[in-house]
PDB file of all heavy atoms in Angstrom:
ATOM      1  N   THR A   1     187.646   6.069 229.650  1.00  0.00           N
ATOM      2  CA  THR A   1     188.471   5.789 228.471  1.00  0.00           C
ATOM      3  C   THR A   1     187.829   4.766 227.554  1.00  0.00           C
ATOM      4  O   THR A   1     187.761   4.952 226.334  1.00  0.00           O
ATOM      5  CB  THR A   1     189.868   5.302 228.887  1.00  0.00           C
ATOM      6  OG1 THR A   1     190.503   6.315 229.660  1.00  0.00           O
ATOM      7  CG2 THR A   1     190.719   5.010 227.664  1.00  0.00           C
ATOM      8  N   GLN A   2     187.327   3.683 228.121  1.00  0.00           N
ATOM      9  CA  GLN A   2     186.725   2.658 227.284  1.00  0.00           C
ATOM     10  C   GLN A   2     185.429   3.153 226.656  1.00  0.00           C
ATOM     11  O   GLN A   2     185.123   2.825 225.501  1.00  0.00           O
ATOM     12  CB  GLN A   2     186.458   1.379 228.088  1.00  0.00           C
ATOM     13  CG  GLN A   2     185.935   0.234 227.227  1.00  0.00           C
ATOM     14  CD  GLN A   2     186.100  -1.116 227.884  1.00  0.00           C
ATOM     15  OE1 GLN A   2     187.047  -1.348 228.627  1.00  0.00           O
ATOM     16  NE2 GLN A   2     185.171  -2.004 227.621  1.00  0.00           N
ATOM     17  N   VAL A   3     184.657   3.953 227.389  1.00  0.00           N
ATOM     18  CA  VAL A   3     183.410   4.476 226.838  1.00  0.00           C
ATOM     19  C   VAL A   3     183.695   5.375 225.635  1.00  0.00           C
ATOM     20  O   VAL A   3     182.956   5.366 224.646  1.00  0.00           O
ATOM     21  CB  VAL A   3     182.615   5.245 227.910  1.00  0.00           C
ATOM     22  CG1 VAL A   3     181.382   5.893 227.301  1.00  0.00           C
ATOM     23  CG2 VAL A   3     182.190   4.300 229.030  1.00  0.00           C
ATOM     24  N   ILE A   4     184.783   6.150 225.704  1.00  0.00           N
ATOM     25  CA  ILE A   4     185.151   7.025 224.585  1.00  0.00           C
ATOM     26  C   ILE A   4     185.368   6.207 223.306  1.00  0.00           C
ATOM     27  O   ILE A   4     185.074   6.672 222.206  1.00  0.00           O
ATOM     28  CB  ILE A   4     186.421   7.833 224.931  1.00  0.00           C
ATOM     29  CG1 ILE A   4     186.090   8.916 225.960  1.00  0.00           C
ATOM     30  CG2 ILE A   4     187.022   8.481 223.688  1.00  0.00           C
ATOM     31  CD1 ILE A   4     187.299   9.682 226.449  1.00  0.00           C
ATOM     32  N   LEU A   5     185.859   4.985 223.457  1.00  0.00           N
ATOM     33  CA  LEU A   5     186.135   4.156 222.286  1.00  0.00           C
ATOM     34  C   LEU A   5     184.880   3.834 221.482  1.00  0.00           C
ATOM     35  O   LEU A   5     184.965   3.460 220.306  1.00  0.00           O
ATOM     36  CB  LEU A   5     186.815   2.853 222.711  1.00  0.00           C
ATOM     37  CG  LEU A   5     188.228   3.004 223.290  1.00  0.00           C
ATOM     38  CD1 LEU A   5     188.749   1.657 223.761  1.00  0.00           C
ATOM     39  CD2 LEU A   5     189.174   3.610 222.268  1.00  0.00           C
ATOM     40  N   VAL A   6     183.701   4.000 222.099  1.00  0.00           N
ATOM     41  CA  VAL A   6     182.450   3.794 221.364  1.00  0.00           C
ATOM     42  C   VAL A   6     182.388   4.721 220.153  1.00  0.00           C
ATOM     43  O   VAL A   6     181.821   4.382 219.118  1.00  0.00           O
ATOM     44  CB  VAL A   6     181.237   4.022 222.294  1.00  0.00           C
ATOM     45  CG1 VAL A   6     179.936   3.993 221.506  1.00  0.00           C
ATOM     46  CG2 VAL A   6     181.203   2.966 223.381  1.00  0.00           C
ATOM     47  N   SER A   7     182.995   5.910 220.280  1.00  0.00           N
ATOM     48  CA  SER A   7     182.978   6.885 219.182  1.00  0.00           C
ATOM     49  C   SER A   7     183.571   6.320 217.897  1.00  0.00           C
ATOM     50  O   SER A   7     183.201   6.749 216.792  1.00  0.00           O
ATOM     51  CB  SER A   7     183.771   8.140 219.577  1.00  0.00           C
ATOM     52  OG  SER A   7     183.190   8.777 220.691  1.00  0.00           O
ATOM     53  N   TYR A   8     184.479   5.345 218.017  1.00  0.00           N
ATOM     54  CA  TYR A   8     185.143   4.787 216.839  1.00  0.00           C
ATOM     55  C   TYR A   8     184.454   3.529 216.337  1.00  0.00           C
ATOM     56  O   TYR A   8     184.747   3.066 215.233  1.00  0.00           O
ATOM     57  CB  TYR A   8     186.617   4.552 217.155  1.00  0.00           C
ATOM     58  CG  TYR A   8     187.274   5.864 217.482  1.00  0.00           C
ATOM     59  CD1 TYR A   8     187.501   6.246 218.793  1.00  0.00           C
ATOM     60  CD2 TYR A   8     187.565   6.776 216.473  1.00  0.00           C
ATOM     61  CE1 TYR A   8     188.044   7.485 219.106  1.00  0.00           C
ATOM     62  CE2 TYR A   8     188.095   8.015 216.772  1.00  0.00           C
ATOM     63  CZ  TYR A   8     188.341   8.366 218.084  1.00  0.00           C
ATOM     64  OH  TYR A   8     188.842   9.597 218.382  1.00  0.00           O
ATOM     65  N   ALA A   9     183.536   3.000 217.142  1.00  0.00           N
ATOM     66  CA  ALA A   9     182.706   1.900 216.651  1.00  0.00           C
ATOM     67  C   ALA A   9     181.452   2.437 215.972  1.00  0.00           C
ATOM     68  O   ALA A   9     180.902   1.793 215.072  1.00  0.00           O
ATOM     69  CB  ALA A   9     182.319   0.978 217.809  1.00  0.00           C
ATOM     70  N   GLU A  10     181.010   3.628 216.370  1.00  0.00           N
ATOM     71  CA  GLU A  10     179.781   4.204 215.821  1.00  0.00           C
ATOM     72  C   GLU A  10     179.810   4.357 214.297  1.00  0.00           C
ATOM     73  O   GLU A  10     178.837   3.992 213.631  1.00  0.00           O
ATOM     74  CB  GLU A  10     179.495   5.557 216.476  1.00  0.00           C
ATOM     75  CG  GLU A  10     179.048   5.446 217.916  1.00  0.00           C
ATOM     76  CD  GLU A  10     178.958   6.811 218.587  1.00  0.00           C
ATOM     77  OE1 GLU A  10     178.978   7.836 217.870  1.00  0.00           O
ATOM     78  OE2 GLU A  10     178.871   6.861 219.823  1.00  0.00           O
ATOM     79  N   PRO A  11     180.891   4.904 213.690  1.00  0.00           N
ATOM     80  CA  PRO A  11     180.878   5.036 212.228  1.00  0.00           C
ATOM     81  C   PRO A  11     180.782   3.696 211.508  1.00  0.00           C
ATOM     82  O   PRO A  11     180.127   3.603 210.463  1.00  0.00           O
ATOM     83  CB  PRO A  11     182.220   5.724 211.927  1.00  0.00           C
ATOM     84  CG  PRO A  11     182.604   6.395 213.192  1.00  0.00           C
ATOM     85  CD  PRO A  11     182.099   5.510 214.278  1.00  0.00           C
ATOM     86  N   VAL A  12     181.419   2.672 212.063  1.00  0.00           N
ATOM     87  CA  VAL A  12     181.355   1.350 211.440  1.00  0.00           C
ATOM     88  C   VAL A  12     179.917   0.840 211.460  1.00  0.00           C
ATOM     89  O   VAL A  12     179.398   0.312 210.464  1.00  0.00           O
ATOM     90  CB  VAL A  12     182.289   0.367 212.171  1.00  0.00           C
ATOM     91  CG1 VAL A  12     182.180  -1.025 211.560  1.00  0.00           C
ATOM     92  CG2 VAL A  12     183.730   0.860 212.114  1.00  0.00           C
ATOM     93  N   VAL A  13     179.245   1.013 212.614  1.00  0.00           N
ATOM     94  CA  VAL A  13     177.835   0.622 212.723  1.00  0.00           C
ATOM     95  C   VAL A  13     176.992   1.439 211.751  1.00  0.00           C
ATOM     96  O   VAL A  13     176.136   0.894 211.042  1.00  0.00           O
ATOM     97  CB  VAL A  13     177.336   0.823 214.169  1.00  0.00           C
ATOM     98  CG1 VAL A  13     175.820   0.621 214.242  1.00  0.00           C
ATOM     99  CG2 VAL A  13     178.032  -0.137 215.120  1.00  0.00           C
ATOM    100  N   ALA A  14     177.238   2.752 211.707  1.00  0.00           N
ATOM    101  CA  ALA A  14     176.458   3.622 210.814  1.00  0.00           C
ATOM    102  C   ALA A  14     176.623   3.203 209.355  1.00  0.00           C
ATOM    103  O   ALA A  14     175.654   3.194 208.587  1.00  0.00           O
ATOM    104  CB  ALA A  14     176.882   5.079 211.001  1.00  0.00           C
ATOM    105  N   MET A  15     177.849   2.833 208.963  1.00  0.00           N
ATOM    106  CA  MET A  15     178.085   2.386 207.587  1.00  0.00           C
ATOM    107  C   MET A  15     177.308   1.110 207.288  1.00  0.00           C
ATOM    108  O   MET A  15     176.687   0.970 206.228  1.00  0.00           O
ATOM    109  CB  MET A  15     179.580   2.152 207.371  1.00  0.00           C
ATOM    110  CG  MET A  15     180.412   3.425 207.372  1.00  0.00           C
ATOM    111  SD  MET A  15     182.199   3.055 207.328  1.00  0.00           S
ATOM    112  CE  MET A  15     182.891   4.673 207.686  1.00  0.00           C
ATOM    113  N   GLY A  16     177.333   0.169 208.228  1.00  0.00           N
ATOM    114  CA  GLY A  16     176.618  -1.089 208.019  1.00  0.00           C
ATOM    115  C   GLY A  16     175.112  -0.894 207.967  1.00  0.00           C
ATOM    116  O   GLY A  16     174.427  -1.437 207.092  1.00  0.00           O
ATOM    117  N   VAL A  17     174.575  -0.116 208.898  1.00  0.00           N
ATOM    118  CA  VAL A  17     173.127   0.123 208.930  1.00  0.00           C
ATOM    119  C   VAL A  17     172.687   0.908 207.700  1.00  0.00           C
ATOM    120  O   VAL A  17     171.621   0.652 207.126  1.00  0.00           O
ATOM    121  CB  VAL A  17     172.739   0.865 210.229  1.00  0.00           C
ATOM    122  CG1 VAL A  17     171.264   1.261 210.207  1.00  0.00           C
ATOM    123  CG2 VAL A  17     173.018  -0.007 211.449  1.00  0.00           C
ATOM    124  N   SER A  18     173.503   1.871 207.280  1.00  0.00           N
ATOM    125  CA  SER A  18     173.180   2.659 206.094  1.00  0.00           C
ATOM    126  C   SER A  18     173.104   1.763 204.855  1.00  0.00           C
ATOM    127  O   SER A  18     172.230   1.949 203.998  1.00  0.00           O
ATOM    128  CB  SER A  18     174.238   3.753 205.892  1.00  0.00           C
ATOM    129  OG  SER A  18     173.933   4.568 204.797  1.00  0.00           O
ATOM    130  N   TRP A  19     174.004   0.808 204.778  1.00  0.00           N
ATOM    131  CA  TRP A  19     174.002  -0.122 203.643  1.00  0.00           C
ATOM    132  C   TRP A  19     172.774  -1.030 203.685  1.00  0.00           C
ATOM    133  O   TRP A  19     172.086  -1.233 202.682  1.00  0.00           O
ATOM    134  CB  TRP A  19     175.280  -0.952 203.664  1.00  0.00           C
ATOM    135  CG  TRP A  19     175.305  -2.046 202.633  1.00  0.00           C
ATOM    136  CD1 TRP A  19     175.156  -1.915 201.282  1.00  0.00           C
ATOM    137  CD2 TRP A  19     175.465  -3.448 202.883  1.00  0.00           C
ATOM    138  NE1 TRP A  19     175.225  -3.144 200.669  1.00  0.00           N
ATOM    139  CE2 TRP A  19     175.417  -4.100 201.623  1.00  0.00           C
ATOM    140  CE3 TRP A  19     175.669  -4.207 204.035  1.00  0.00           C
ATOM    141  CZ2 TRP A  19     175.546  -5.483 201.509  1.00  0.00           C
ATOM    142  CZ3 TRP A  19     175.809  -5.579 203.923  1.00  0.00           C
ATOM    143  CH2 TRP A  19     175.743  -6.203 202.662  1.00  0.00           C
ATOM    144  N   ILE A  20     172.452  -1.562 204.876  1.00  0.00           N
ATOM    145  CA  ILE A  20     171.319  -2.488 205.011  1.00  0.00           C
ATOM    146  C   ILE A  20     169.987  -1.761 204.811  1.00  0.00           C
ATOM    147  O   ILE A  20     169.099  -2.243 204.093  1.00  0.00           O
ATOM    148  CB  ILE A  20     171.350  -3.165 206.396  1.00  0.00           C
ATOM    149  CG1 ILE A  20     172.571  -4.090 206.507  1.00  0.00           C
ATOM    150  CG2 ILE A  20     170.071  -3.959 206.640  1.00  0.00           C
ATOM    151  CD1 ILE A  20     172.821  -4.607 207.902  1.00  0.00           C
ATOM    152  N   ALA A  21     169.839  -0.586 205.451  1.00  0.00           N
ATOM    153  CA  ALA A  21     168.546   0.099 205.435  1.00  0.00           C
ATOM    154  C   ALA A  21     168.319   0.946 204.196  1.00  0.00           C
ATOM    155  O   ALA A  21     167.190   1.052 203.708  1.00  0.00           O
ATOM    156  CB  ALA A  21     168.423   0.979 206.690  1.00  0.00           C
ATOM    157  N   LEU A  22     169.393   1.557 203.688  1.00  0.00           N
ATOM    158  CA  LEU A  22     169.224   2.512 202.588  1.00  0.00           C
ATOM    159  C   LEU A  22     169.949   2.121 201.317  1.00  0.00           C
ATOM    160  O   LEU A  22     169.785   2.780 200.286  1.00  0.00           O
ATOM    161  CB  LEU A  22     169.714   3.899 203.044  1.00  0.00           C
ATOM    162  CG  LEU A  22     169.061   4.469 204.312  1.00  0.00           C
ATOM    163  CD1 LEU A  22     169.724   5.789 204.688  1.00  0.00           C
ATOM    164  CD2 LEU A  22     167.566   4.653 204.112  1.00  0.00           C
ATOM    165  N   GLY A  23     170.786   1.087 201.394  1.00  0.00           N
ATOM    166  CA  GLY A  23     171.546   0.671 200.229  1.00  0.00           C
ATOM    167  C   GLY A  23     172.708   1.581 199.903  1.00  0.00           C
ATOM    168  O   GLY A  23     173.235   1.546 198.791  1.00  0.00           O
ATOM    169  N   HIS A  24     173.146   2.400 200.893  1.00  0.00           N
ATOM    170  CA  HIS A  24     174.237   3.337 200.664  1.00  0.00           C
ATOM    171  C   HIS A  24     175.569   2.687 201.030  1.00  0.00           C
ATOM    172  O   HIS A  24     175.704   2.086 202.104  1.00  0.00           O
ATOM    173  CB  HIS A  24     174.055   4.596 201.518  1.00  0.00           C
ATOM    174  CG  HIS A  24     172.864   5.405 201.121  1.00  0.00           C
ATOM    175  ND1 HIS A  24     172.386   6.453 201.868  1.00  0.00           N
ATOM    176  CD2 HIS A  24     172.048   5.322 200.031  1.00  0.00           C
ATOM    177  CE1 HIS A  24     171.331   6.970 201.276  1.00  0.00           C
ATOM    178  NE2 HIS A  24     171.100   6.299 200.168  1.00  0.00           N
ATOM    179  N   LEU A  25     176.543   2.820 200.175  1.00  0.00           N
ATOM    180  CA  LEU A  25     177.889   2.346 200.455  1.00  0.00           C
ATOM    181  C   LEU A  25     178.842   3.539 200.527  1.00  0.00           C
ATOM    182  O   LEU A  25     178.749   4.449 199.695  1.00  0.00           O
ATOM    183  CB  LEU A  25     178.370   1.384 199.358  1.00  0.00           C
ATOM    184  CG  LEU A  25     177.707   0.004 199.318  1.00  0.00           C
ATOM    185  CD1 LEU A  25     178.170  -0.750 198.069  1.00  0.00           C
ATOM    186  CD2 LEU A  25     178.035  -0.790 200.566  1.00  0.00           C
ATOM    187  N   VAL A  26     179.730   3.533 201.502  1.00  0.00           N
ATOM    188  CA  VAL A  26     180.719   4.603 201.583  1.00  0.00           C
ATOM    189  C   VAL A  26     181.902   4.243 200.700  1.00  0.00           C
ATOM    190  O   VAL A  26     182.158   3.068 200.416  1.00  0.00           O
ATOM    191  CB  VAL A  26     181.198   4.825 203.039  1.00  0.00           C
ATOM    192  CG1 VAL A  26     180.044   5.241 203.924  1.00  0.00           C
ATOM    193  CG2 VAL A  26     181.873   3.578 203.595  1.00  0.00           C
ATOM    194  N   ASP A  27     182.625   5.264 200.261  1.00  0.00           N
ATOM    195  CA  ASP A  27     183.774   4.988 199.402  1.00  0.00           C
ATOM    196  C   ASP A  27     185.019   4.712 200.239  1.00  0.00           C
ATOM    197  O   ASP A  27     185.020   4.845 201.464  1.00  0.00           O
ATOM    198  CB  ASP A  27     184.016   6.146 198.423  1.00  0.00           C
ATOM    199  CG  ASP A  27     184.212   7.475 199.133  1.00  0.00           C
ATOM    200  OD1 ASP A  27     184.680   7.473 200.285  1.00  0.00           O
ATOM    201  OD2 ASP A  27     183.871   8.515 198.542  1.00  0.00           O
ATOM    202  N   SER A  28     186.079   4.331 199.553  1.00  0.00           N
ATOM    203  CA  SER A  28     187.304   3.927 200.244  1.00  0.00           C
ATOM    204  C   SER A  28     187.946   5.086 201.005  1.00  0.00           C
ATOM    205  O   SER A  28     188.549   4.877 202.068  1.00  0.00           O
ATOM    206  CB  SER A  28     188.306   3.344 199.239  1.00  0.00           C
ATOM    207  OG  SER A  28     188.585   4.285 198.209  1.00  0.00           O
ATOM    208  N   LEU A  29     187.804   6.322 200.502  1.00  0.00           N
ATOM    209  CA  LEU A  29     188.409   7.461 201.194  1.00  0.00           C
ATOM    210  C   LEU A  29     187.744   7.725 202.537  1.00  0.00           C
ATOM    211  O   LEU A  29     188.394   8.179 203.475  1.00  0.00           O
ATOM    212  CB  LEU A  29     188.341   8.711 200.313  1.00  0.00           C
ATOM    213  CG  LEU A  29     189.511   8.923 199.349  1.00  0.00           C
ATOM    214  CD1 LEU A  29     189.291  10.163 198.507  1.00  0.00           C
ATOM    215  CD2 LEU A  29     190.838   9.005 200.103  1.00  0.00           C
ATOM    216  N   THR A  30     186.451   7.447 202.632  1.00  0.00           N
ATOM    217  CA  THR A  30     185.771   7.589 203.922  1.00  0.00           C
ATOM    218  C   THR A  30     186.345   6.602 204.933  1.00  0.00           C
ATOM    219  O   THR A  30     186.574   6.933 206.099  1.00  0.00           O
ATOM    220  CB  THR A  30     184.257   7.370 203.762  1.00  0.00           C
ATOM    221  OG1 THR A  30     183.734   8.348 202.871  1.00  0.00           O
ATOM    222  CG2 THR A  30     183.544   7.508 205.108  1.00  0.00           C
ATOM    223  N   LEU A  31     186.596   5.373 204.490  1.00  0.00           N
ATOM    224  CA  LEU A  31     187.206   4.370 205.366  1.00  0.00           C
ATOM    225  C   LEU A  31     188.616   4.788 205.763  1.00  0.00           C
ATOM    226  O   LEU A  31     189.019   4.641 206.926  1.00  0.00           O
ATOM    227  CB  LEU A  31     187.227   3.012 204.673  1.00  0.00           C
ATOM    228  CG  LEU A  31     185.861   2.375 204.402  1.00  0.00           C
ATOM    229  CD1 LEU A  31     186.017   1.121 203.545  1.00  0.00           C
ATOM    230  CD2 LEU A  31     185.161   2.040 205.712  1.00  0.00           C
ATOM    231  N   VAL A  32     189.366   5.325 204.811  1.00  0.00           N
ATOM    232  CA  VAL A  32     190.717   5.816 205.114  1.00  0.00           C
ATOM    233  C   VAL A  32     190.635   6.947 206.131  1.00  0.00           C
ATOM    234  O   VAL A  32     191.433   7.024 207.072  1.00  0.00           O
ATOM    235  CB  VAL A  32     191.425   6.292 203.830  1.00  0.00           C
ATOM    236  CG1 VAL A  32     192.718   7.032 204.162  1.00  0.00           C
ATOM    237  CG2 VAL A  32     191.717   5.110 202.922  1.00  0.00           C
ATOM    238  N   GLY A  33     189.665   7.828 205.959  1.00  0.00           N
ATOM    239  CA  GLY A  33     189.495   8.928 206.903  1.00  0.00           C
ATOM    240  C   GLY A  33     189.201   8.438 208.306  1.00  0.00           C
ATOM    241  O   GLY A  33     189.768   8.945 209.284  1.00  0.00           O
ATOM    242  N   LEU A  34     188.320   7.437 208.413  1.00  0.00           N
ATOM    243  CA  LEU A  34     187.994   6.885 209.733  1.00  0.00           C
ATOM    244  C   LEU A  34     189.227   6.278 210.392  1.00  0.00           C
ATOM    245  O   LEU A  34     189.480   6.506 211.581  1.00  0.00           O
ATOM    246  CB  LEU A  34     186.895   5.828 209.593  1.00  0.00           C
ATOM    247  CG  LEU A  34     186.530   5.075 210.881  1.00  0.00           C
ATOM    248  CD1 LEU A  34     186.067   6.037 211.966  1.00  0.00           C
ATOM    249  CD2 LEU A  34     185.472   4.019 210.601  1.00  0.00           C
ATOM    250  N   VAL A  35     189.999   5.510 209.639  1.00  0.00           N
ATOM    251  CA  VAL A  35     191.217   4.893 210.190  1.00  0.00           C
ATOM    252  C   VAL A  35     192.215   5.967 210.608  1.00  0.00           C
ATOM    253  O   VAL A  35     192.877   5.855 211.651  1.00  0.00           O
ATOM    254  CB  VAL A  35     191.846   3.930 209.155  1.00  0.00           C
ATOM    255  CG1 VAL A  35     193.207   3.441 209.638  1.00  0.00           C
ATOM    256  CG2 VAL A  35     190.918   2.746 208.903  1.00  0.00           C
ATOM    257  N   THR A  36     192.323   7.040 209.826  1.00  0.00           N
ATOM    258  CA  THR A  36     193.248   8.124 210.161  1.00  0.00           C
ATOM    259  C   THR A  36     192.821   8.838 211.436  1.00  0.00           C
ATOM    260  O   THR A  36     193.651   9.171 212.297  1.00  0.00           O
ATOM    261  CB  THR A  36     193.318   9.136 209.000  1.00  0.00           C
ATOM    262  OG1 THR A  36     193.649   8.446 207.792  1.00  0.00           O
ATOM    263  CG2 THR A  36     194.378  10.190 209.268  1.00  0.00           C
ATOM    264  N   ILE A  37     191.510   9.079 211.584  1.00  0.00           N
ATOM    265  CA  ILE A  37     190.998   9.706 212.812  1.00  0.00           C
ATOM    266  C   ILE A  37     191.272   8.808 214.014  1.00  0.00           C
ATOM    267  O   ILE A  37     191.706   9.279 215.077  1.00  0.00           O
ATOM    268  CB  ILE A  37     189.492   9.987 212.666  1.00  0.00           C
ATOM    269  CG1 ILE A  37     189.251  11.066 211.601  1.00  0.00           C
ATOM    270  CG2 ILE A  37     188.895  10.433 213.999  1.00  0.00           C
ATOM    271  CD1 ILE A  37     187.801  11.201 211.174  1.00  0.00           C
ATOM    272  N   LEU A  38     191.025   7.510 213.859  1.00  0.00           N
ATOM    273  CA  LEU A  38     191.306   6.564 214.943  1.00  0.00           C
ATOM    274  C   LEU A  38     192.787   6.567 215.301  1.00  0.00           C
ATOM    275  O   LEU A  38     193.159   6.538 216.481  1.00  0.00           O
ATOM    276  CB  LEU A  38     190.857   5.159 214.533  1.00  0.00           C
ATOM    277  CG  LEU A  38     191.196   4.023 215.504  1.00  0.00           C
ATOM    278  CD1 LEU A  38     190.581   4.281 216.871  1.00  0.00           C
ATOM    279  CD2 LEU A  38     190.730   2.683 214.945  1.00  0.00           C
ATOM    280  N   ALA A  39     193.655   6.633 214.278  1.00  0.00           N
ATOM    281  CA  ALA A  39     195.098   6.668 214.528  1.00  0.00           C
ATOM    282  C   ALA A  39     195.473   7.912 215.332  1.00  0.00           C
ATOM    283  O   ALA A  39     196.318   7.848 216.238  1.00  0.00           O
ATOM    284  CB  ALA A  39     195.862   6.641 213.204  1.00  0.00           C
ATOM    285  N   GLY A  40     194.843   9.034 215.015  1.00  0.00           N
ATOM    286  CA  GLY A  40     195.113  10.253 215.777  1.00  0.00           C
ATOM    287  C   GLY A  40     194.736  10.097 217.233  1.00  0.00           C
ATOM    288  O   GLY A  40     195.471  10.529 218.131  1.00  0.00           O
ATOM    289  N   PHE A  41     193.584   9.460 217.490  1.00  0.00           N
ATOM    290  CA  PHE A  41     193.168   9.223 218.873  1.00  0.00           C
ATOM    291  C   PHE A  41     194.144   8.295 219.594  1.00  0.00           C
ATOM    292  O   PHE A  41     194.484   8.516 220.762  1.00  0.00           O
ATOM    293  CB  PHE A  41     191.763   8.631 218.898  1.00  0.00           C
ATOM    294  CG  PHE A  41     191.270   8.279 220.268  1.00  0.00           C
ATOM    295  CD1 PHE A  41     190.836   9.266 221.142  1.00  0.00           C
ATOM    296  CD2 PHE A  41     191.249   6.963 220.694  1.00  0.00           C
ATOM    297  CE1 PHE A  41     190.379   8.947 222.408  1.00  0.00           C
ATOM    298  CE2 PHE A  41     190.799   6.627 221.957  1.00  0.00           C
ATOM    299  CZ  PHE A  41     190.364   7.623 222.822  1.00  0.00           C
ATOM    300  N   VAL A  42     194.589   7.249 218.909  1.00  0.00           N
ATOM    301  CA  VAL A  42     195.532   6.296 219.517  1.00  0.00           C
ATOM    302  C   VAL A  42     196.833   7.003 219.890  1.00  0.00           C
ATOM    303  O   VAL A  42     197.407   6.762 220.955  1.00  0.00           O
ATOM    304  CB  VAL A  42     195.797   5.114 218.567  1.00  0.00           C
ATOM    305  CG1 VAL A  42     196.948   4.255 219.083  1.00  0.00           C
ATOM    306  CG2 VAL A  42     194.537   4.278 218.407  1.00  0.00           C
ATOM    307  N   VAL A  43     197.316   7.894 219.026  1.00  0.00           N
ATOM    308  CA  VAL A  43     198.540   8.640 219.315  1.00  0.00           C
ATOM    309  C   VAL A  43     198.367   9.491 220.568  1.00  0.00           C
ATOM    310  O   VAL A  43     199.233   9.531 221.451  1.00  0.00           O
ATOM    311  CB  VAL A  43     198.928   9.532 218.115  1.00  0.00           C
ATOM    312  CG1 VAL A  43     200.037  10.506 218.503  1.00  0.00           C
ATOM    313  CG2 VAL A  43     199.385   8.664 216.943  1.00  0.00           C
TER     314      VAL A  43
END
């Protein structure tokens, strides 16, 4: 169960690394989508 939770930390890491390495920023809807997916898993 705890290992599965890594799946929800991965996008946050990917967003940060993408910004640092490539200068790419995700938009607010992508963040909303991630939170919504996490909420579905929590349910």
